[in-house]
Amino acid sequence: MNIRFISSMTNDDENRFASALLSAMDELLRHLPIVYYVKIDTTAGGVLQRSRAVTVAPSERVEREVV
């Protein structure tokens, strides 16, 4: 998924908004059993990013029998 957000914010406002948006998206996505990578490039050249890899607890591993 690629999302673009274009605004008339100043560079300073955009940096503050990007940080808040990244935190909100991370809070929302971290409750889902998915792998994600979120990256925000600001107009001023800043890059903010977060990612998460899903891990499976040993008790949840699926054992498959090879026949």
Protein backbone atom coordinates (compact mmCIF):
# COMPACT_ATOMS: atom_id res chain seq x y z
CA MET A 1 0.00 0.00 0.00
CA ASN A 2 1.38 3.40 -0.91
CA ILE A 3 -0.32 6.46 0.61
CA ARG A 4 0.51 10.04 -0.37
CA PHE A 5 -0.52 13.02 1.70
CA ILE A 6 0.00 16.47 0.21
CA SER A 7 -0.57 19.57 2.30
CA SER A 8 0.20 23.25 2.55
CA MET A 9 1.97 22.86 5.92
CA THR A 10 5.28 24.53 6.66
CA ASN A 11 8.30 22.22 6.91
CA ASP A 12 8.30 22.48 10.72
CA ASP A 13 4.57 21.72 10.94
CA GLU A 14 4.99 18.84 8.51
CA ASN A 15 7.78 17.30 10.61
CA ARG A 16 5.63 17.50 13.76
CA PHE A 17 2.61 16.05 11.94
CA ALA A 18 4.69 13.25 10.40
CA SER A 19 5.98 12.23 13.82
CA ALA A 20 2.47 12.18 15.31
CA LEU A 21 1.09 10.31 12.28
CA LEU A 22 3.83 7.68 12.47
CA SER A 23 3.16 7.12 16.18
CA ALA A 24 -0.58 6.80 15.58
CA MET A 25 -0.12 4.36 12.70
CA ASP A 26 2.33 2.28 14.73
CA GLU A 27 -0.11 2.15 17.66
CA LEU A 28 -2.91 1.01 15.36
CA LEU A 29 -0.91 -1.56 13.39
CA ARG A 30 0.99 -3.14 16.26
CA HIS A 31 -2.21 -4.76 17.53
CA LEU A 32 -2.65 -6.68 14.28
CA PRO A 33 -0.88 -9.98 13.53
CA ILE A 34 0.85 -8.56 10.46
CA VAL A 35 4.32 -7.59 9.36
CA TYR A 36 4.55 -3.93 8.43
CA TYR A 37 7.00 -1.22 7.48
CA VAL A 38 5.89 2.41 7.57
CA LYS A 39 8.08 5.11 6.07
CA ILE A 40 7.31 8.83 5.87
CA ASP A 41 9.44 11.12 3.71
CA THR A 42 8.96 14.80 4.53
CA THR A 43 9.34 17.71 2.15
CA ALA A 44 12.35 18.93 4.12
CA GLY A 45 14.12 15.62 3.47
CA GLY A 46 13.39 13.95 6.80
CA VAL A 47 12.69 10.23 6.91
CA LEU A 48 10.71 8.61 9.71
CA GLN A 49 10.15 4.87 9.78
CA ARG A 50 8.88 2.03 11.93
CA SER A 51 8.54 -1.68 11.28
CA ARG A 52 7.42 -4.82 12.99
CA ALA A 53 7.97 -8.49 12.31
CA VAL A 54 5.47 -11.01 13.62
CA THR A 55 6.97 -13.66 15.82
CA VAL A 56 5.28 -16.90 16.72
CA ALA A 57 5.52 -18.15 20.29
CA PRO A 58 6.93 -21.70 20.62
CA SER A 59 3.55 -22.97 21.85
CA GLU A 60 1.86 -21.59 18.71
CA ARG A 61 4.19 -23.19 16.17
CA VAL A 62 2.52 -25.50 13.73
CA GLU A 63 4.15 -28.90 13.50
CA ARG A 64 3.91 -30.40 10.02
CA GLU A 65 4.46 -34.01 9.30
CA VAL A 66 6.36 -34.69 6.11
CA VAL A 67 5.08 -37.83 4.42
